[in-house]
């Protein structure tokens, strides 16, 4: 009996970079809120995280159109 394997794509450099940046920003938000609620820093990092994620999602959309 032969079992077909589904193709699994490896993460691209963009995927890895976004993942790393997201983790770093999430950590900064956590530290800012734990630091006596440093709200301005937490909000700035959240804005950067959203901006970065929006750019990443636009890239994903462009890549999916190419295939």
C-alpha atoms as a PDB file:
ATOM      1  CA  UNK A   1       0.000   0.000   0.000  1.00  0.00           C
ATOM      2  CA  UNK A   2       1.381   3.415  -1.013  1.00  0.00           C
ATOM      3  CA  UNK A   3       0.581   6.441   1.107  1.00  0.00           C
ATOM      4  CA  UNK A   4       0.897   9.785  -0.667  1.00  0.00           C
ATOM      5  CA  UNK A   5       2.577  12.559   1.245  1.00  0.00           C
ATOM      6  CA  UNK A   6       1.378  16.091   0.965  1.00  0.00           C
ATOM      7  CA  UNK A   7       4.003  18.599  -0.065  1.00  0.00           C
ATOM      8  CA  UNK A   8       5.100  20.726   2.844  1.00  0.00           C
ATOM      9  CA  UNK A   9       6.632  24.063   1.977  1.00  0.00           C
ATOM     10  CA  UNK A  10       9.596  25.246   3.957  1.00  0.00           C
ATOM     11  CA  UNK A  11       9.272  28.690   5.521  1.00  0.00           C
ATOM     12  CA  UNK A  12      10.747  31.428   3.371  1.00  0.00           C
ATOM     13  CA  UNK A  13      13.214  34.006   4.635  1.00  0.00           C
ATOM     14  CA  UNK A  14      10.300  36.444   4.865  1.00  0.00           C
ATOM     15  CA  UNK A  15       8.305  33.974   6.976  1.00  0.00           C
ATOM     16  CA  UNK A  16      11.237  33.446   9.331  1.00  0.00           C
ATOM     17  CA  UNK A  17      11.999  37.168   9.585  1.00  0.00           C
ATOM     18  CA  UNK A  18       8.345  37.981  10.375  1.00  0.00           C
ATOM     19  CA  UNK A  19       8.162  35.233  12.966  1.00  0.00           C
ATOM     20  CA  UNK A  20      11.314  36.468  14.687  1.00  0.00           C
ATOM     21  CA  UNK A  21      10.204  40.111  14.626  1.00  0.00           C
ATOM     22  CA  UNK A  22       6.740  39.233  15.946  1.00  0.00           C
ATOM     23  CA  UNK A  23       8.203  37.311  18.851  1.00  0.00           C
ATOM     24  CA  UNK A  24      10.556  40.155  19.712  1.00  0.00           C
ATOM     25  CA  UNK A  25       7.749  42.737  19.602  1.00  0.00           C
ATOM     26  CA  UNK A  26       5.469  40.542  21.724  1.00  0.00           C
ATOM     27  CA  UNK A  27       8.236  40.232  24.307  1.00  0.00           C
ATOM     28  CA  UNK A  28       8.725  44.022  24.343  1.00  0.00           C
ATOM     29  CA  UNK A  29       4.986  44.565  24.843  1.00  0.00           C
ATOM     30  CA  UNK A  30       4.994  42.092  27.731  1.00  0.00           C
ATOM     31  CA  UNK A  31       8.027  43.730  29.363  1.00  0.00           C
ATOM     32  CA  UNK A  32       6.522  47.200  28.919  1.00  0.00           C
ATOM     33  CA  UNK A  33       3.280  46.215  30.580  1.00  0.00           C
ATOM     34  CA  UNK A  34       5.130  44.391  33.371  1.00  0.00           C
ATOM     35  CA  UNK A  35       7.288  47.495  33.917  1.00  0.00           C
ATOM     36  CA  UNK A  36       4.724  49.465  35.878  1.00  0.00           C
ATOM     37  CA  UNK A  37       2.476  49.625  32.831  1.00  0.00           C
ATOM     38  CA  UNK A  38       4.779  51.494  30.436  1.00  0.00           C
ATOM     39  CA  UNK A  39       1.802  52.056  28.165  1.00  0.00           C
ATOM     40  CA  UNK A  40       3.472  54.365  25.607  1.00  0.00           C
ATOM     41  CA  UNK A  41       6.145  51.771  24.805  1.00  0.00           C
ATOM     42  CA  UNK A  42       3.605  48.940  24.741  1.00  0.00           C
ATOM     43  CA  UNK A  43       1.353  50.869  22.344  1.00  0.00           C
ATOM     44  CA  UNK A  44       4.266  51.783  20.076  1.00  0.00           C
ATOM     45  CA  UNK A  45       5.359  48.148  19.888  1.00  0.00           C
ATOM     46  CA  UNK A  46       1.796  46.998  19.209  1.00  0.00           C
ATOM     47  CA  UNK A  47       1.519  49.531  16.370  1.00  0.00           C
ATOM     48  CA  UNK A  48       4.792  48.274  14.883  1.00  0.00           C
ATOM     49  CA  UNK A  49       3.609  44.683  15.250  1.00  0.00           C
ATOM     50  CA  UNK A  50       0.354  45.442  13.426  1.00  0.00           C
ATOM     51  CA  UNK A  51       2.218  47.330  10.687  1.00  0.00           C
ATOM     52  CA  UNK A  52       4.662  44.477  10.236  1.00  0.00           C
ATOM     53  CA  UNK A  53       1.884  41.883  10.177  1.00  0.00           C
ATOM     54  CA  UNK A  54      -0.088  43.870   7.595  1.00  0.00           C
ATOM     55  CA  UNK A  55       2.995  44.065   5.356  1.00  0.00           C
ATOM     56  CA  UNK A  56       3.567  40.334   5.803  1.00  0.00           C
ATOM     57  CA  UNK A  57      -0.051  39.518   4.955  1.00  0.00           C
ATOM     58  CA  UNK A  58       0.178  41.687   1.803  1.00  0.00           C
ATOM     59  CA  UNK A  59       3.317  39.771   0.826  1.00  0.00           C
ATOM     60  CA  UNK A  60       1.525  36.445   1.391  1.00  0.00           C
ATOM     61  CA  UNK A  61      -1.324  37.622  -0.840  1.00  0.00           C
ATOM     62  CA  UNK A  62       1.099  38.635  -3.602  1.00  0.00           C
ATOM     63  CA  UNK A  63       2.914  35.305  -3.371  1.00  0.00           C
ATOM     64  CA  UNK A  64      -0.340  33.321  -3.565  1.00  0.00           C
ATOM     65  CA  UNK A  65      -1.314  35.138  -6.778  1.00  0.00           C
ATOM     66  CA  UNK A  66       1.994  34.108  -8.365  1.00  0.00           C
ATOM     67  CA  UNK A  67       1.134  30.418  -7.928  1.00  0.00           C
END
